[in-house]
Amino acid sequence: MNPFTFRELELKYGDFIFLIDEKGEGFSDMYEGEYDNSTETFKFNNSSKGITETIYIENLQHLELIK
């Protein structure tokens, strides 16, 4: 995913998102914020794994805000 496209979403802490990672696996859960523009990463609460993960934006196949 293009980092510019990510920034256009204007996600806020607690937003519910759906993403597809580089392996094609889909996850939906809470955006934890902590966007880092130097590494193009953000934190994602992956409750299916029970952890908060660092997500590399350029590795994502898809990301959307669930309203």
N, C-alpha and C. Protein backbone atom coordinates (compact mmCIF):
# COMPACT_ATOMS: atom_id res chain seq x y z
N MET A 1 0.84 -1.17 0.00
CA MET A 1 0.00 0.00 0.00
C MET A 1 0.89 1.24 0.00
N ASN A 2 0.45 2.22 -0.69
CA ASN A 2 1.15 3.48 -0.76
C ASN A 2 0.96 4.25 0.56
N PRO A 3 2.05 4.74 1.18
CA PRO A 3 1.93 5.50 2.43
C PRO A 3 1.04 6.74 2.30
N PHE A 4 1.02 7.38 1.13
CA PHE A 4 0.15 8.54 0.93
C PHE A 4 -1.31 8.13 1.06
N THR A 5 -1.67 7.01 0.47
CA THR A 5 -3.05 6.49 0.57
C THR A 5 -3.40 6.21 2.03
N PHE A 6 -2.45 5.66 2.79
CA PHE A 6 -2.68 5.41 4.21
C PHE A 6 -2.99 6.72 4.94
N ARG A 7 -2.20 7.75 4.71
CA ARG A 7 -2.40 9.03 5.40
C ARG A 7 -3.74 9.66 5.04
N GLU A 8 -4.22 9.42 3.83
CA GLU A 8 -5.52 9.96 3.41
C GLU A 8 -6.68 9.41 4.24
N LEU A 9 -6.50 8.22 4.82
CA LEU A 9 -7.56 7.62 5.64
C LEU A 9 -7.78 8.39 6.94
N GLU A 10 -6.76 9.13 7.40
CA GLU A 10 -6.83 9.93 8.63
C GLU A 10 -7.36 9.10 9.80
N LEU A 11 -6.76 7.94 10.00
CA LEU A 11 -7.18 7.06 11.09
C LEU A 11 -6.89 7.68 12.45
N LYS A 12 -7.75 7.36 13.40
CA LYS A 12 -7.59 7.82 14.77
C LYS A 12 -7.51 6.60 15.69
N TYR A 13 -6.84 6.78 16.82
CA TYR A 13 -6.74 5.70 17.80
C TYR A 13 -8.14 5.15 18.10
N GLY A 14 -8.27 3.85 18.04
CA GLY A 14 -9.54 3.20 18.34
C GLY A 14 -10.40 2.92 17.12
N ASP A 15 -10.04 3.47 15.95
CA ASP A 15 -10.81 3.17 14.74
C ASP A 15 -10.73 1.67 14.45
N PHE A 16 -11.83 1.11 13.97
CA PHE A 16 -11.88 -0.29 13.61
C PHE A 16 -11.47 -0.40 12.14
N ILE A 17 -10.45 -1.21 11.85
CA ILE A 17 -9.94 -1.33 10.48
C ILE A 17 -9.88 -2.79 10.04
N PHE A 18 -9.87 -2.97 8.73
CA PHE A 18 -9.67 -4.27 8.13
C PHE A 18 -8.43 -4.15 7.26
N LEU A 19 -7.50 -5.11 7.40
CA LEU A 19 -6.30 -5.09 6.57
C LEU A 19 -5.99 -6.47 6.04
N ILE A 20 -5.28 -6.49 4.91
CA ILE A 20 -4.77 -7.73 4.33
C ILE A 20 -3.26 -7.56 4.27
N ASP A 21 -2.55 -8.47 4.94
CA ASP A 21 -1.09 -8.37 5.02
C ASP A 21 -0.41 -8.91 3.76
N GLU A 22 0.91 -8.91 3.79
CA GLU A 22 1.68 -9.35 2.62
C GLU A 22 1.49 -10.82 2.29
N LYS A 23 1.00 -11.61 3.25
CA LYS A 23 0.77 -13.05 3.02
C LYS A 23 -0.64 -13.32 2.51
N GLY A 24 -1.46 -12.27 2.42
CA GLY A 24 -2.84 -12.44 1.97
C GLY A 24 -3.80 -12.75 3.10
N GLU A 25 -3.35 -12.67 4.34
CA GLU A 25 -4.21 -12.93 5.48
C GLU A 25 -4.96 -11.65 5.86
N GLY A 26 -6.25 -11.78 6.11
CA GLY A 26 -7.08 -10.64 6.48
C GLY A 26 -7.33 -10.59 7.98
N PHE A 27 -7.28 -9.39 8.53
CA PHE A 27 -7.52 -9.16 9.96
C PHE A 27 -8.37 -7.91 10.12
N SER A 28 -9.24 -7.92 11.11
CA SER A 28 -9.97 -6.70 11.45
C SER A 28 -9.89 -6.52 12.96
N ASP A 29 -9.56 -5.32 13.36
CA ASP A 29 -9.46 -4.99 14.78
C ASP A 29 -9.18 -3.50 14.91
N MET A 30 -8.65 -3.11 16.06
CA MET A 30 -8.50 -1.70 16.40
C MET A 30 -7.15 -1.12 15.99
N TYR A 31 -7.22 0.07 15.40
CA TYR A 31 -6.02 0.84 15.07
C TYR A 31 -5.47 1.42 16.37
N GLU A 32 -4.22 1.11 16.68
CA GLU A 32 -3.60 1.55 17.93
C GLU A 32 -2.85 2.87 17.78
N GLY A 33 -2.82 3.40 16.58
CA GLY A 33 -2.12 4.67 16.37
C GLY A 33 -0.62 4.47 16.25
N GLU A 34 0.12 5.44 16.83
CA GLU A 34 1.58 5.41 16.81
C GLU A 34 2.14 5.30 15.39
N TYR A 35 1.56 6.07 14.48
CA TYR A 35 2.08 6.12 13.11
C TYR A 35 3.47 6.73 13.13
N ASP A 36 4.42 6.09 12.48
CA ASP A 36 5.80 6.58 12.40
C ASP A 36 6.11 6.82 10.92
N ASN A 37 6.21 8.09 10.53
CA ASN A 37 6.43 8.38 9.12
C ASN A 37 7.85 8.09 8.65
N SER A 38 8.80 7.94 9.57
CA SER A 38 10.17 7.64 9.15
C SER A 38 10.32 6.17 8.73
N THR A 39 9.53 5.29 9.34
CA THR A 39 9.57 3.87 8.98
C THR A 39 8.30 3.42 8.27
N GLU A 40 7.31 4.34 8.15
CA GLU A 40 6.01 4.03 7.54
C GLU A 40 5.38 2.81 8.21
N THR A 41 5.24 2.89 9.53
CA THR A 41 4.63 1.82 10.32
C THR A 41 3.54 2.39 11.22
N PHE A 42 2.68 1.50 11.73
CA PHE A 42 1.71 1.87 12.76
C PHE A 42 1.44 0.65 13.63
N LYS A 43 0.79 0.87 14.76
CA LYS A 43 0.46 -0.22 15.68
C LYS A 43 -0.97 -0.70 15.42
N PHE A 44 -1.15 -2.02 15.50
CA PHE A 44 -2.44 -2.66 15.24
C PHE A 44 -2.69 -3.70 16.31
N ASN A 45 -3.86 -3.63 16.94
CA ASN A 45 -4.25 -4.60 17.97
C ASN A 45 -4.79 -5.85 17.29
N ASN A 46 -3.98 -6.89 17.23
CA ASN A 46 -4.39 -8.15 16.59
C ASN A 46 -4.88 -9.09 17.69
N SER A 47 -6.16 -8.98 18.01
CA SER A 47 -6.69 -9.79 19.11
C SER A 47 -6.75 -11.27 18.78
N SER A 48 -6.76 -11.63 17.48
CA SER A 48 -6.76 -13.05 17.13
C SER A 48 -5.45 -13.72 17.53
N LYS A 49 -4.37 -12.93 17.59
CA LYS A 49 -3.08 -13.44 18.05
C LYS A 49 -2.78 -13.01 19.48
N GLY A 50 -3.60 -12.09 20.01
CA GLY A 50 -3.41 -11.62 21.38
C GLY A 50 -2.24 -10.67 21.56
N ILE A 51 -1.87 -9.96 20.49
CA ILE A 51 -0.73 -9.05 20.58
C ILE A 51 -1.01 -7.75 19.82
N THR A 52 -0.22 -6.73 20.14
CA THR A 52 -0.20 -5.51 19.34
C THR A 52 0.98 -5.63 18.39
N GLU A 53 0.71 -5.48 17.10
CA GLU A 53 1.73 -5.66 16.08
C GLU A 53 2.15 -4.34 15.45
N THR A 54 3.39 -4.29 15.00
CA THR A 54 3.85 -3.17 14.18
C THR A 54 3.60 -3.56 12.73
N ILE A 55 2.85 -2.73 12.03
CA ILE A 55 2.47 -3.00 10.64
C ILE A 55 3.27 -2.09 9.72
N TYR A 56 3.92 -2.68 8.72
CA TYR A 56 4.64 -1.92 7.70
C TYR A 56 3.67 -1.62 6.57
N ILE A 57 3.37 -0.35 6.39
CA ILE A 57 2.35 0.08 5.44
C ILE A 57 2.64 -0.41 4.02
N GLU A 58 3.87 -0.34 3.59
CA GLU A 58 4.20 -0.73 2.22
C GLU A 58 4.00 -2.23 1.97
N ASN A 59 3.91 -3.03 3.03
CA ASN A 59 3.69 -4.48 2.88
C ASN A 59 2.22 -4.84 2.80
N LEU A 60 1.33 -3.90 3.07
CA LEU A 60 -0.10 -4.21 3.06
C LEU A 60 -0.64 -4.32 1.64
N GLN A 61 -1.51 -5.30 1.45
CA GLN A 61 -2.21 -5.43 0.18
C GLN A 61 -3.47 -4.57 0.19
N HIS A 62 -4.07 -4.39 1.38
CA HIS A 62 -5.33 -3.66 1.48
C HIS A 62 -5.50 -3.14 2.91
N LEU A 63 -6.13 -1.98 3.04
CA LEU A 63 -6.46 -1.42 4.36
C LEU A 63 -7.69 -0.55 4.19
N GLU A 64 -8.69 -0.74 5.07
CA GLU A 64 -9.87 0.11 5.02
C GLU A 64 -10.41 0.35 6.41
N LEU A 65 -11.05 1.51 6.57
CA LEU A 65 -11.72 1.87 7.80
C LEU A 65 -13.11 1.25 7.79
N ILE A 66 -13.47 0.58 8.89
CA ILE A 66 -14.81 -0.01 9.01
C ILE A 66 -15.67 0.97 9.80
N LYS A 67 -16.76 1.39 9.19
CA LYS A 67 -17.65 2.37 9.85
C LYS A 67 -18.90 1.71 10.35
